[in-house]
C-alpha atoms as a PDB file:
ATOM      1  CA  MET A   1       0.000   0.000   0.000  1.00  0.00           C
ATOM      2  CA  PHE A   2       1.254   3.448  -0.942  1.00  0.00           C
ATOM      3  CA  ILE A   3       0.389   6.281   1.466  1.00  0.00           C
ATOM      4  CA  ASP A   4       1.507   9.800   0.557  1.00  0.00           C
ATOM      5  CA  GLU A   5      -0.621  11.839   2.966  1.00  0.00           C
ATOM      6  CA  CYS A   6      -1.612  11.382   6.601  1.00  0.00           C
ATOM      7  CA  VAL A   7      -2.281  13.285   9.829  1.00  0.00           C
ATOM      8  CA  ILE A   8      -0.353  12.651  13.034  1.00  0.00           C
ATOM      9  CA  LYS A   9      -0.531  13.912  16.601  1.00  0.00           C
ATOM     10  CA  ALA A  10       2.879  14.653  18.077  1.00  0.00           C
ATOM     11  CA  GLU A  11       3.508  15.282  21.753  1.00  0.00           C
ATOM     12  CA  ALA A  12       6.909  15.946  23.252  1.00  0.00           C
ATOM     13  CA  GLY A  13       7.724  14.676  26.727  1.00  0.00           C
ATOM     14  CA  ASP A  14       7.278  16.820  29.835  1.00  0.00           C
ATOM     15  CA  GLY A  15      10.320  17.830  31.846  1.00  0.00           C
ATOM     16  CA  GLY A  16      10.954  16.083  35.146  1.00  0.00           C
ATOM     17  CA  ARG A  17      10.390  18.034  38.350  1.00  0.00           C
ATOM     18  CA  GLY A  18      13.225  19.235  40.531  1.00  0.00           C
ATOM     19  CA  CYS A  19      13.919  17.608  43.890  1.00  0.00           C
ATOM     20  CA  ILE A  20      13.842  19.076  47.400  1.00  0.00           C
ATOM     21  CA  SER A  21      16.470  17.279  49.423  1.00  0.00           C
ATOM     22  CA  PHE A  22      19.055  17.973  52.156  1.00  0.00           C
ATOM     23  CA  ARG A  23      22.275  16.304  53.117  1.00  0.00           C
ATOM     24  CA  ARG A  24      21.948  14.036  56.118  1.00  0.00           C
ATOM     25  CA  GLU A  25      25.378  12.820  57.164  1.00  0.00           C
ATOM     26  CA  LYS A  26      26.978  12.077  60.483  1.00  0.00           C
ATOM     27  CA  PHE A  27      28.619  15.092  62.118  1.00  0.00           C
ATOM     28  CA  GLU A  28      27.035  17.375  59.489  1.00  0.00           C
ATOM     29  CA  PRO A  29      23.581  18.272  60.824  1.00  0.00           C
ATOM     30  CA  PHE A  30      23.295  21.265  58.510  1.00  0.00           C
ATOM     31  CA  GLY A  31      24.655  19.831  55.284  1.00  0.00           C
ATOM     32  CA  GLY A  32      22.566  22.067  53.071  1.00  0.00           C
ATOM     33  CA  PRO A  33      20.358  21.394  50.030  1.00  0.00           C
ATOM     34  CA  ASN A  34      21.322  18.715  47.492  1.00  0.00           C
ATOM     35  CA  GLY A  35      18.212  18.271  45.339  1.00  0.00           C
ATOM     36  CA  GLY A  36      18.936  17.465  41.689  1.00  0.00           C
ATOM     37  CA  ASP A  37      17.312  18.923  38.583  1.00  0.00           C
ATOM     38  CA  GLY A  38      14.652  17.172  36.543  1.00  0.00           C
ATOM     39  CA  GLY A  39      15.578  15.768  33.129  1.00  0.00           C
ATOM     40  CA  LYS A  40      14.460  17.369  29.876  1.00  0.00           C
ATOM     41  CA  GLY A  41      11.526  15.744  28.069  1.00  0.00           C
ATOM     42  CA  GLY A  42      12.139  13.900  24.830  1.00  0.00           C
ATOM     43  CA  ASP A  43      11.582  15.730  21.516  1.00  0.00           C
ATOM     44  CA  VAL A  44       9.563  14.536  18.544  1.00  0.00           C
ATOM     45  CA  ILE A  45      12.061  14.622  15.678  1.00  0.00           C
ATOM     46  CA  LEU A  46      11.575  14.046  11.950  1.00  0.00           C
ATOM     47  CA  VAL A  47      14.501  12.339  10.220  1.00  0.00           C
ATOM     48  CA  GLY A  48      14.949  12.229   6.447  1.00  0.00           C
ATOM     49  CA  ASP A  49      15.399   8.662   5.242  1.00  0.00           C
ATOM     50  CA  ASN A  50      16.439   7.870   1.696  1.00  0.00           C
ATOM     51  CA  ASN A  51      15.376   4.240   2.212  1.00  0.00           C
ATOM     52  CA  THR A  52      11.729   5.096   2.928  1.00  0.00           C
ATOM     53  CA  ASN A  53       9.342   5.778   0.063  1.00  0.00           C
ATOM     54  CA  ASN A  54       5.949   6.435   1.681  1.00  0.00           C
ATOM     55  CA  LEU A  55       4.141   7.329   4.918  1.00  0.00           C
ATOM     56  CA  ILE A  56       2.442   4.027   5.665  1.00  0.00           C
ATOM     57  CA  ASP A  57       4.084   3.805   9.121  1.00  0.00           C
ATOM     58  CA  TYR A  58       2.150   6.886  10.226  1.00  0.00           C
ATOM     59  CA  LYS A  59      -1.195   5.981   8.671  1.00  0.00           C
ATOM     60  CA  TYR A  60      -1.813   3.240  11.230  1.00  0.00           C
ATOM     61  CA  LYS A  61       0.150   4.746  14.102  1.00  0.00           C
ATOM     62  CA  PRO A  62      -0.813   8.427  14.153  1.00  0.00           C
ATOM     63  CA  HIS A  63       0.138   9.195  17.787  1.00  0.00           C
ATOM     64  CA  TRP A  64       3.791   9.825  18.651  1.00  0.00           C
ATOM     65  CA  LYS A  65       5.097  10.937  22.020  1.00  0.00           C
ATOM     66  CA  GLY A  66       8.497  11.718  23.465  1.00  0.00           C
ATOM     67  CA  GLN A  67       9.426  10.209  26.817  1.00  0.00           C
ATOM     68  CA  ARG A  68       8.987  12.216  30.002  1.00  0.00           C
ATOM     69  CA  GLY A  69      12.161  13.442  31.704  1.00  0.00           C
ATOM     70  CA  GLU A  70      13.117  11.703  34.913  1.00  0.00           C
ATOM     71  CA  HIS A  71      12.545  13.569  38.172  1.00  0.00           C
ATOM     72  CA  GLY A  72      15.506  14.947  40.075  1.00  0.00           C
ATOM     73  CA  MET A  73      16.806  13.030  43.095  1.00  0.00           C
ATOM     74  CA  GLY A  74      18.760  13.681  46.262  1.00  0.00           C
ATOM     75  CA  LYS A  75      22.555  13.765  46.491  1.00  0.00           C
ATOM     76  CA  ASP A  76      22.655  16.215  43.561  1.00  0.00           C
ATOM     77  CA  CYS A  77      21.466  13.523  41.125  1.00  0.00           C
ATOM     78  CA  ASN A  78      19.851  15.046  38.064  1.00  0.00           C
ATOM     79  CA  GLY A  79      17.064  13.201  36.285  1.00  0.00           C
ATOM     80  CA  ARG A  80      17.731  11.407  33.017  1.00  0.00           C
ATOM     81  CA  GLU A  81      16.639  13.076  29.785  1.00  0.00           C
ATOM     82  CA  GLY A  82      13.619  11.466  28.108  1.00  0.00           C
ATOM     83  CA  LYS A  83      14.107   9.482  24.888  1.00  0.00           C
ATOM     84  CA  HIS A  84      13.272  11.252  21.658  1.00  0.00           C
ATOM     85  CA  ALA A  85      10.559   9.981  19.342  1.00  0.00           C
ATOM     86  CA  MET A  86      12.359   9.624  15.992  1.00  0.00           C
ATOM     87  CA  LEU A  87      10.061   9.634  12.959  1.00  0.00           C
ATOM     88  CA  ARG A  88      11.832   8.521   9.800  1.00  0.00           C
ATOM     89  CA  VAL A  89      10.100  10.001   6.765  1.00  0.00           C
ATOM     90  CA  PRO A  90      10.854   9.903   3.022  1.00  0.00           C
ATOM     91  CA  LEU A  91      12.636  12.788   1.361  1.00  0.00           C
ATOM     92  CA  GLY A  92      10.222  15.369   0.043  1.00  0.00           C
ATOM     93  CA  THR A  93       7.846  15.227   3.014  1.00  0.00           C
ATOM     94  CA  VAL A  94       6.156  18.558   3.732  1.00  0.00           C
ATOM     95  CA  ILE A  95       4.779  19.153   7.244  1.00  0.00           C
ATOM     96  CA  THR A  96       1.808  21.462   7.787  1.00  0.00           C
ATOM     97  CA  ASP A  97       0.275  22.530  11.090  1.00  0.00           C
ATOM     98  CA  GLU A  98      -3.365  21.439  10.985  1.00  0.00           C
ATOM     99  CA  THR A  99      -4.455  24.213  13.336  1.00  0.00           C
ATOM    100  CA  THR A 100      -2.919  27.187  11.537  1.00  0.00           C
ATOM    101  CA  GLY A 101      -2.529  25.739   8.052  1.00  0.00           C
ATOM    102  CA  GLN A 102       1.059  26.984   7.941  1.00  0.00           C
ATOM    103  CA  VAL A 103       3.887  24.903   6.468  1.00  0.00           C
ATOM    104  CA  VAL A 104       6.199  24.020   9.344  1.00  0.00           C
ATOM    105  CA  ALA A 105       9.089  22.369   7.532  1.00  0.00           C
ATOM    106  CA  ALA A 106      10.125  20.200   4.594  1.00  0.00           C
ATOM    107  CA  VAL A 107      12.473  17.216   4.747  1.00  0.00           C
ATOM    108  CA  ILE A 108      14.875  17.369   1.810  1.00  0.00           C
ATOM    109  CA  ASP A 109      18.147  15.623   2.717  1.00  0.00           C
ATOM    110  CA  HIS A 110      19.030  12.175   4.003  1.00  0.00           C
ATOM    111  CA  ASP A 111      19.539  12.159   7.794  1.00  0.00           C
ATOM    112  CA  GLN A 112      18.244  15.727   8.028  1.00  0.00           C
ATOM    113  CA  GLN A 113      16.676  16.232  11.452  1.00  0.00           C
ATOM    114  CA  ILE A 114      13.815  18.599  12.213  1.00  0.00           C
ATOM    115  CA  ILE A 115      12.460  19.053  15.738  1.00  0.00           C
ATOM    116  CA  LEU A 116       8.707  18.953  15.303  1.00  0.00           C
ATOM    117  CA  CYS A 117       7.820  19.270  19.004  1.00  0.00           C
ATOM    118  CA  LYS A 118      10.339  20.272  21.673  1.00  0.00           C
ATOM    119  CA  GLY A 119      10.389  18.550  25.028  1.00  0.00           C
ATOM    120  CA  GLY A 120       9.864  20.544  28.201  1.00  0.00           C
ATOM    121  CA  ASN A 121      12.854  21.611  30.302  1.00  0.00           C
ATOM    122  CA  GLY A 122      13.384  19.912  33.627  1.00  0.00           C
ATOM    123  CA  GLY A 123      12.703  21.836  36.827  1.00  0.00           C
ATOM    124  CA  PHE A 124      15.473  23.132  39.095  1.00  0.00           C
ATOM    125  CA  GLY A 125      16.170  21.321  42.357  1.00  0.00           C
ATOM    126  CA  ASN A 126      16.422  23.237  45.598  1.00  0.00           C
ATOM    127  CA  THR A 127      20.213  23.477  45.229  1.00  0.00           C
ATOM    128  CA  HIS A 128      19.667  26.326  42.738  1.00  0.00           C
ATOM    129  CA  PHE A 129      17.808  28.421  45.299  1.00  0.00           C
ATOM    130  CA  LYS A 130      20.514  28.360  47.981  1.00  0.00           C
ATOM    131  CA  SER A 131      21.815  31.772  49.036  1.00  0.00           C
ATOM    132  CA  SER A 132      23.412  33.506  51.989  1.00  0.00           C
ATOM    133  CA  LEU A 133      19.957  34.521  53.161  1.00  0.00           C
ATOM    134  CA  ASN A 134      18.265  31.194  52.504  1.00  0.00           C
ATOM    135  CA  ARG A 135      20.544  28.329  53.459  1.00  0.00           C
ATOM    136  CA  ALA A 136      17.775  25.706  53.526  1.00  0.00           C
ATOM    137  CA  PRO A 137      15.460  26.432  50.570  1.00  0.00           C
ATOM    138  CA  ARG A 138      12.374  24.283  50.384  1.00  0.00           C
ATOM    139  CA  ARG A 139      11.615  25.176  46.831  1.00  0.00           C
ATOM    140  CA  ALA A 140      11.963  23.336  43.556  1.00  0.00           C
ATOM    141  CA  ASN A 141      10.514  23.928  40.084  1.00  0.00           C
ATOM    142  CA  PRO A 142       8.112  21.576  38.315  1.00  0.00           C
ATOM    143  CA  GLY A 143       9.118  20.456  34.843  1.00  0.00           C
ATOM    144  CA  GLU A 144       7.801  22.339  31.821  1.00  0.00           C
ATOM    145  CA  GLU A 145       5.185  20.732  29.619  1.00  0.00           C
ATOM    146  CA  GLY A 146       6.304  19.468  26.242  1.00  0.00           C
ATOM    147  CA  HIS A 147       4.957  21.039  23.070  1.00  0.00           C
ATOM    148  CA  GLU A 148       2.273  19.189  21.141  1.00  0.00           C
ATOM    149  CA  GLY A 149       0.335  19.588  17.927  1.00  0.00           C
ATOM    150  CA  VAL A 150      -1.514  17.959  15.069  1.00  0.00           C
ATOM    151  CA  TYR A 151       0.340  17.906  11.760  1.00  0.00           C
ATOM    152  CA  ARG A 152      -0.363  16.818   8.212  1.00  0.00           C
ATOM    153  CA  LEU A 153       2.437  15.002   6.399  1.00  0.00           C
ATOM    154  CA  VAL A 154       2.349  15.222   2.607  1.00  0.00           C
ATOM    155  CA  LEU A 155       4.888  13.436   0.457  1.00  0.00           C
ATOM    156  CA  LYS A 156       6.094  15.292  -2.627  1.00  0.00           C
ATOM    157  CA  SER A 157       8.659  13.041  -4.255  1.00  0.00           C
ATOM    158  CA  ILE A 158      12.026  14.517  -5.138  1.00  0.00           C
ATOM    159  CA  ALA A 159      12.862  13.493  -8.697  1.00  0.00           C
ATOM    160  CA  ASP A 160      14.843  14.906 -11.601  1.00  0.00           C
ATOM    161  CA  ALA A 161      12.170  14.155 -14.185  1.00  0.00           C
ATOM    162  CA  GLY A 162       8.422  13.609 -13.978  1.00  0.00           C
ATOM    163  CA  LEU A 163       6.613  11.352 -16.449  1.00  0.00           C
ATOM    164  CA  VAL A 164       2.965  12.104 -17.260  1.00  0.00           C
ATOM    165  CA  GLY A 165       0.606  10.814 -19.901  1.00  0.00           C
ATOM    166  CA  PHE A 166      -2.737   9.256 -20.663  1.00  0.00           C
ATOM    167  CA  PRO A 167      -3.499   5.660 -19.610  1.00  0.00           C
ATOM    168  CA  ASN A 168      -2.041   3.056 -21.955  1.00  0.00           C
ATOM    169  CA  ALA A 169       0.424   5.547 -23.456  1.00  0.00           C
ATOM    170  CA  GLY A 170       3.329   3.382 -22.279  1.00  0.00           C
ATOM    171  CA  LYS A 171       4.479   5.130 -19.081  1.00  0.00           C
ATOM    172  CA  SER A 172       4.938   1.961 -17.042  1.00  0.00           C
ATOM    173  CA  THR A 173       6.641   0.148 -19.912  1.00  0.00           C
ATOM    174  CA  LEU A 174       9.054   3.041 -20.407  1.00  0.00           C
ATOM    175  CA  THR A 175       9.787   3.157 -16.675  1.00  0.00           C
ATOM    176  CA  THR A 176      10.555  -0.571 -16.750  1.00  0.00           C
ATOM    177  CA  ARG A 177      12.806  -0.170 -19.793  1.00  0.00           C
ATOM    178  CA  ILE A 178      15.029   2.686 -18.600  1.00  0.00           C
ATOM    179  CA  THR A 179      14.989   2.324 -14.781  1.00  0.00           C
ATOM    180  CA  HIS A 180      15.255  -0.398 -12.159  1.00  0.00           C
ATOM    181  CA  ALA A 181      11.624   0.075 -11.114  1.00  0.00           C
ATOM    182  CA  ARG A 182       9.161  -2.654 -12.055  1.00  0.00           C
ATOM    183  CA  PRO A 183       5.657  -1.152 -12.142  1.00  0.00           C
ATOM    184  CA  ARG A 184       2.735  -3.312 -13.168  1.00  0.00           C
ATOM    185  CA  THR A 185       1.964  -3.302 -16.897  1.00  0.00           C
ATOM    186  CA  ALA A 186      -1.181  -4.606 -18.606  1.00  0.00           C
ATOM    187  CA  ALA A 187      -3.351  -3.987 -21.666  1.00  0.00           C
ATOM    188  CA  TYR A 188      -5.963  -1.940 -19.817  1.00  0.00           C
ATOM    189  CA  PRO A 189      -6.061   1.569 -18.311  1.00  0.00           C
ATOM    190  CA  PHE A 190      -5.000   2.573 -14.791  1.00  0.00           C
ATOM    191  CA  THR A 191      -2.651  -0.345 -14.110  1.00  0.00           C
ATOM    192  CA  THR A 192      -0.513   2.219 -12.236  1.00  0.00           C
ATOM    193  CA  LEU A 193      -2.467   3.244  -9.141  1.00  0.00           C
ATOM    194  CA  HIS A 194       0.279   5.094  -7.284  1.00  0.00           C
ATOM    195  CA  PRO A 195       3.506   6.897  -8.251  1.00  0.00           C
ATOM    196  CA  GLN A 196       6.551   4.838  -9.151  1.00  0.00           C
ATOM    197  CA  ILE A 197      10.065   6.108  -8.491  1.00  0.00           C
ATOM    198  CA  GLY A 198      12.855   4.706 -10.653  1.00  0.00           C
ATOM    199  CA  VAL A 199      16.555   5.398 -11.070  1.00  0.00           C
ATOM    200  CA  ILE A 200      18.148   5.858 -14.513  1.00  0.00           C
ATOM    201  CA  ASP A 201      21.804   4.792 -14.519  1.00  0.00           C
ATOM    202  CA  TYR A 202      24.500   6.218 -16.810  1.00  0.00           C
ATOM    203  CA  PRO A 203      27.371   3.696 -16.492  1.00  0.00           C
ATOM    204  CA  GLU A 204      29.707   5.680 -18.737  1.00  0.00           C
ATOM    205  CA  ASP A 205      30.103   8.491 -16.197  1.00  0.00           C
ATOM    206  CA  TYR A 206      28.518   6.933 -13.085  1.00  0.00           C
ATOM    207  CA  GLN A 207      25.662   9.428 -13.063  1.00  0.00           C
ATOM    208  CA  ARG A 208      22.072   8.818 -11.953  1.00  0.00           C
ATOM    209  CA  LEU A 209      18.732  10.491 -12.516  1.00  0.00           C
ATOM    210  CA  VAL A 210      15.541   9.882 -10.562  1.00  0.00           C
ATOM    211  CA  LEU A 211      12.315   9.448 -12.547  1.00  0.00           C
ATOM    212  CA  ALA A 212       8.809   9.835 -11.076  1.00  0.00           C
ATOM    213  CA  ASP A 213       6.042   8.049 -12.975  1.00  0.00           C
ATOM    214  CA  VAL A 214       2.591   9.255 -11.878  1.00  0.00           C
ATOM    215  CA  PRO A 215      -0.687   7.436 -12.630  1.00  0.00           C
ATOM    216  CA  GLY A 216      -2.346   8.261 -15.926  1.00  0.00           C
ATOM    217  CA  LEU A 217      -4.323  11.467 -16.359  1.00  0.00           C
ATOM    218  CA  ILE A 218      -7.515  11.788 -18.355  1.00  0.00           C
ATOM    219  CA  GLU A 219      -9.510  14.760 -19.558  1.00  0.00           C
ATOM    220  CA  GLY A 220     -11.376  16.207 -16.599  1.00  0.00           C
ATOM    221  CA  ALA A 221      -8.848  15.110 -13.978  1.00  0.00           C
ATOM    222  CA  SER A 222      -9.222  18.556 -12.428  1.00  0.00           C
ATOM    223  CA  ASP A 223     -12.888  17.629 -11.812  1.00  0.00           C
ATOM    224  CA  ASN A 224     -11.716  14.437 -10.066  1.00  0.00           C
ATOM    225  CA  ARG A 225     -12.290  12.140 -13.025  1.00  0.00           C
ATOM    226  CA  GLY A 226     -10.194   9.011 -13.133  1.00  0.00           C
ATOM    227  CA  LEU A 227      -7.646   9.275 -10.337  1.00  0.00           C
ATOM    228  CA  GLY A 228      -7.883  13.059 -10.406  1.00  0.00           C
ATOM    229  CA  HIS A 229      -4.975  15.355  -9.589  1.00  0.00           C
ATOM    230  CA  ARG A 230      -4.071  13.632  -6.350  1.00  0.00           C
ATOM    231  CA  PHE A 231      -0.649  12.357  -7.430  1.00  0.00           C
ATOM    232  CA  LEU A 232       0.548  15.394  -9.396  1.00  0.00           C
ATOM    233  CA  ARG A 233       2.219  16.708  -6.236  1.00  0.00           C
ATOM    234  CA  HIS A 234       4.981  14.197  -6.973  1.00  0.00           C
ATOM    235  CA  ILE A 235       6.166  16.141 -10.033  1.00  0.00           C
ATOM    236  CA  GLU A 236       6.101  19.622  -8.462  1.00  0.00           C
ATOM    237  CA  ARG A 237       9.832  19.492  -7.694  1.00  0.00           C
ATOM    238  CA  CYS A 238      10.959  17.821 -10.913  1.00  0.00           C
ATOM    239  CA  ALA A 239      13.448  19.702 -13.046  1.00  0.00           C
ATOM    240  CA  VAL A 240      11.997  18.429 -16.363  1.00  0.00           C
ATOM    241  CA  LEU A 241       8.502  17.261 -17.310  1.00  0.00           C
ATOM    242  CA  MET A 242       8.231  14.367 -19.767  1.00  0.00           C
ATOM    243  CA  PHE A 243       5.003  13.904 -21.719  1.00  0.00           C
ATOM    244  CA  ILE A 244       4.631  10.444 -23.219  1.00  0.00           C
ATOM    245  CA  ILE A 245       2.201  10.388 -26.152  1.00  0.00           C
ATOM    246  CA  ASP A 246       0.699   7.425 -28.014  1.00  0.00           C
ATOM    247  CA  MET A 247       1.804   8.704 -31.413  1.00  0.00           C
ATOM    248  CA  ALA A 248       0.129   5.800 -33.271  1.00  0.00           C
ATOM    249  CA  ALA A 249      -3.306   6.792 -31.909  1.00  0.00           C
ATOM    250  CA  VAL A 250      -4.007   3.156 -31.034  1.00  0.00           C
ATOM    251  CA  ASP A 251      -6.972   4.096 -28.828  1.00  0.00           C
ATOM    252  CA  GLY A 252      -8.409   6.403 -31.468  1.00  0.00           C
ATOM    253  CA  ARG A 253      -7.293   9.635 -29.779  1.00  0.00           C
ATOM    254  CA  ASP A 254      -5.587  12.504 -31.569  1.00  0.00           C
ATOM    255  CA  PRO A 255      -1.988  12.811 -30.215  1.00  0.00           C
ATOM    256  CA  ARG A 256      -2.135  16.577 -30.716  1.00  0.00           C
ATOM    257  CA  GLN A 257      -5.219  16.876 -28.550  1.00  0.00           C
ATOM    258  CA  ASP A 258      -3.716  14.496 -25.964  1.00  0.00           C
ATOM    259  CA  TYR A 259      -0.754  16.808 -25.469  1.00  0.00           C
ATOM    260  CA  ALA A 260      -2.986  19.902 -25.262  1.00  0.00           C
ATOM    261  CA  MET A 261      -5.237  18.193 -22.696  1.00  0.00           C
ATOM    262  CA  LEU A 262      -2.269  17.168 -20.550  1.00  0.00           C
ATOM    263  CA  LEU A 263      -1.027  20.755 -20.521  1.00  0.00           C
ATOM    264  CA  LYS A 264      -4.511  21.957 -19.587  1.00  0.00           C
ATOM    265  CA  GLU A 265      -4.780  19.535 -16.661  1.00  0.00           C
ATOM    266  CA  LEU A 266      -1.327  20.454 -15.345  1.00  0.00           C
ATOM    267  CA  GLU A 267      -2.153  24.149 -15.564  1.00  0.00           C
ATOM    268  CA  ALA A 268      -5.427  23.555 -13.704  1.00  0.00           C
ATOM    269  CA  TYR A 269      -3.467  21.854 -10.921  1.00  0.00           C
ATOM    270  CA  ASP A 270      -0.588  24.345 -10.652  1.00  0.00           C
ATOM    271  CA  ALA A 271       0.164  27.067 -13.189  1.00  0.00           C
ATOM    272  CA  THR A 272       3.849  27.131 -12.194  1.00  0.00           C
ATOM    273  CA  LEU A 273       4.284  23.701 -13.797  1.00  0.00           C
ATOM    274  CA  MET A 274       3.903  25.380 -17.183  1.00  0.00           C
ATOM    275  CA  THR A 275       7.231  27.169 -16.671  1.00  0.00           C
ATOM    276  CA  LYS A 276       9.207  23.929 -16.347  1.00  0.00           C
ATOM    277  CA  PRO A 277      11.206  22.540 -19.303  1.00  0.00           C
ATOM    278  CA  ARG A 278       9.229  19.986 -21.322  1.00  0.00           C
ATOM    279  CA  LEU A 279      10.124  16.968 -23.380  1.00  0.00           C
ATOM    280  CA  VAL A 280       7.624  15.030 -25.492  1.00  0.00           C
ATOM    281  CA  ILE A 281       8.206  11.298 -25.945  1.00  0.00           C
ATOM    282  CA  ALA A 282       6.532   9.937 -29.070  1.00  0.00           C
ATOM    283  CA  ASN A 283       5.884   6.280 -28.248  1.00  0.00           C
ATOM    284  CA  LYS A 284       4.819   3.363 -30.489  1.00  0.00           C
ATOM    285  CA  MET A 285       6.840   4.613 -33.459  1.00  0.00           C
ATOM    286  CA  ASP A 286       7.201   0.998 -34.620  1.00  0.00           C
ATOM    287  CA  LEU A 287       3.607   1.097 -35.885  1.00  0.00           C
ATOM    288  CA  PRO A 288       3.016   2.398 -39.430  1.00  0.00           C
ATOM    289  CA  GLU A 289       0.365   4.920 -38.330  1.00  0.00           C
ATOM    290  CA  ALA A 290       2.821   6.725 -36.058  1.00  0.00           C
ATOM    291  CA  GLN A 291       4.943   8.607 -38.614  1.00  0.00           C
ATOM    292  CA  PRO A 292       2.082  10.565 -40.238  1.00  0.00           C
ATOM    293  CA  TRP A 293       0.782  11.522 -36.801  1.00  0.00           C
ATOM    294  CA  LEU A 294       4.272  12.636 -35.738  1.00  0.00           C
ATOM    295  CA  THR A 295       4.484  14.962 -38.732  1.00  0.00           C
ATOM    296  CA  LYS A 296       1.111  16.506 -37.854  1.00  0.00           C
ATOM    297  CA  PHE A 297       2.142  16.812 -34.211  1.00  0.00           C
ATOM    298  CA  LYS A 298       5.360  18.686 -34.987  1.00  0.00           C
ATOM    299  CA  ARG A 299       3.469  21.023 -37.272  1.00  0.00           C
ATOM    300  CA  LYS A 300       1.054  21.994 -34.474  1.00  0.00           C
ATOM    301  CA  HIS A 301       3.252  21.936 -31.323  1.00  0.00           C
ATOM    302  CA  LYS A 302       6.690  23.578 -31.228  1.00  0.00           C
ATOM    303  CA  VAL A 303       8.292  21.350 -28.610  1.00  0.00           C
ATOM    304  CA  GLU A 304      11.229  18.940 -28.580  1.00  0.00           C
ATOM    305  CA  VAL A 305      10.058  15.439 -29.530  1.00  0.00           C
ATOM    306  CA  VAL A 306      12.004  12.203 -29.045  1.00  0.00           C
ATOM    307  CA  PRO A 307      10.595   9.259 -31.072  1.00  0.00           C
ATOM    308  CA  ILE A 308      10.858   5.857 -29.366  1.00  0.00           C
ATOM    309  CA  SER A 309       9.354   2.400 -29.321  1.00  0.00           C
ATOM    310  CA  CYS A 310       9.045   0.888 -25.859  1.00  0.00           C
ATOM    311  CA  GLU A 311       7.962  -2.403 -27.406  1.00  0.00           C
ATOM    312  CA  LEU A 312      11.139  -2.807 -29.486  1.00  0.00           C
ATOM    313  CA  GLY A 313      13.438  -0.746 -27.279  1.00  0.00           C
ATOM    314  CA  GLU A 314      14.268   1.689 -30.087  1.00  0.00           C
ATOM    315  CA  GLY A 315      15.394   5.230 -29.290  1.00  0.00           C
ATOM    316  CA  LEU A 316      15.752   4.637 -25.538  1.00  0.00           C
ATOM    317  CA  ASP A 317      19.494   5.373 -25.406  1.00  0.00           C
ATOM    318  CA  HIS A 318      18.936   8.631 -27.264  1.00  0.00           C
ATOM    319  CA  LEU A 319      16.080   9.490 -24.901  1.00  0.00           C
ATOM    320  CA  LYS A 320      18.288   8.933 -21.859  1.00  0.00           C
ATOM    321  CA  SER A 321      20.987  11.149 -23.348  1.00  0.00           C
ATOM    322  CA  VAL A 322      18.541  13.957 -24.190  1.00  0.00           C
ATOM    323  CA  LEU A 323      16.957  13.728 -20.753  1.00  0.00           C
ATOM    324  CA  ARG A 324      20.303  14.035 -19.003  1.00  0.00           C
ATOM    325  CA  ASP A 325      21.173  17.121 -21.051  1.00  0.00           C
ATOM    326  CA  ARG A 326      17.831  18.749 -20.255  1.00  0.00           C
ATOM    327  CA  VAL A 327      18.151  18.047 -16.521  1.00  0.00           C
ATOM    328  CA  ARG A 328      21.689  19.449 -16.481  1.00  0.00           C
ATOM    329  CA  ALA A 329      20.560  22.580 -18.330  1.00  0.00           C
ATOM    330  CA  ALA A 330      17.672  23.065 -15.894  1.00  0.00           C
ATOM    331  CA  ALA A 331      20.034  22.654 -12.935  1.00  0.00           C
ATOM    332  CA  ALA A 332      22.422  25.228 -14.416  1.00  0.00           C
ATOM    333  CA  VAL A 333      19.578  27.745 -14.764  1.00  0.00           C
ATOM    334  CA  VAL A 334      18.575  27.232 -11.135  1.00  0.00           C
ATOM    335  CA  GLU A 335      22.179  27.711  -9.988  1.00  0.00           C
ATOM    336  CA  SER A 336      22.561  30.928 -11.962  1.00  0.00           C
ATOM    337  CA  GLU A 337      19.282  32.303 -10.581  1.00  0.00           C
ATOM    338  CA  THR A 338      20.360  31.396  -7.064  1.00  0.00           C
ATOM    339  CA  ALA A 339      23.742  33.093  -7.539  1.00  0.00           C
ATOM    340  CA  THR A 340      22.129  36.321  -8.673  1.00  0.00           C
END
């Protein structure tokens, strides 16, 4: 099961209370205060994990709590700090406060740690209140309460390229051909029910690209037809958008209209996606009907087109090369904009 959105309740541990204690030793009837401090409560911490790909662990266990700090003890013994609640989440997880609706943080890097709720500080023991005027203080602080809140976790996959298209256009087959992912493929629509993340290897220079394959879109996805827009969040951070088109019109659809509809649905979801670099993949070029349609397509849409055949494996090496160049160019633009 693939879970990319859930709500959790996080509660950090309370701090332990300080201790009121006095030394009681032979020949020292007025030994003075020796109460220890309470321990700090455990935090609730999010940890980026490159080996986790969804939020299923938090769908069925929505409550997470840090351990309470240990109370202070006599003989100047401080309480032990409470254990942290460590929540390992996939990269690309965005955390939103359910109460305010504000984005709290985003987990981007492996082993990145974000304190979601901070544990309460432990209370001071009576040793801290000793003075020349008060040699036997009978005062200690209680521990502070830990922070708590309700948060929504939303996974937005981090990938270099996002692959979108209509059902049966060949997305899953292409993903199988050029990556190590093995999504389900079949001769009927919507065989892909959740996003697939694959890695494209370039052995010649030991480079890798991450590809996100989202379930097929249909006309009216913005009105929740088919699987709707639910999974398009996984291509928001992609550097390049890849549109795979059935250029042989096997299902009787016009490839030119397919591309226009895909653009319309992406714009309805998020207009900023229209500013990303695009690459059209003309699939099923092994069929005789494909070439005339490709000519018509190029005449109508001024966009870079890479002809391939997933069935025969033709054009895949060229596609990988073009994709790498486009991702590098997009990364260079981002770096230059950041520098300025």
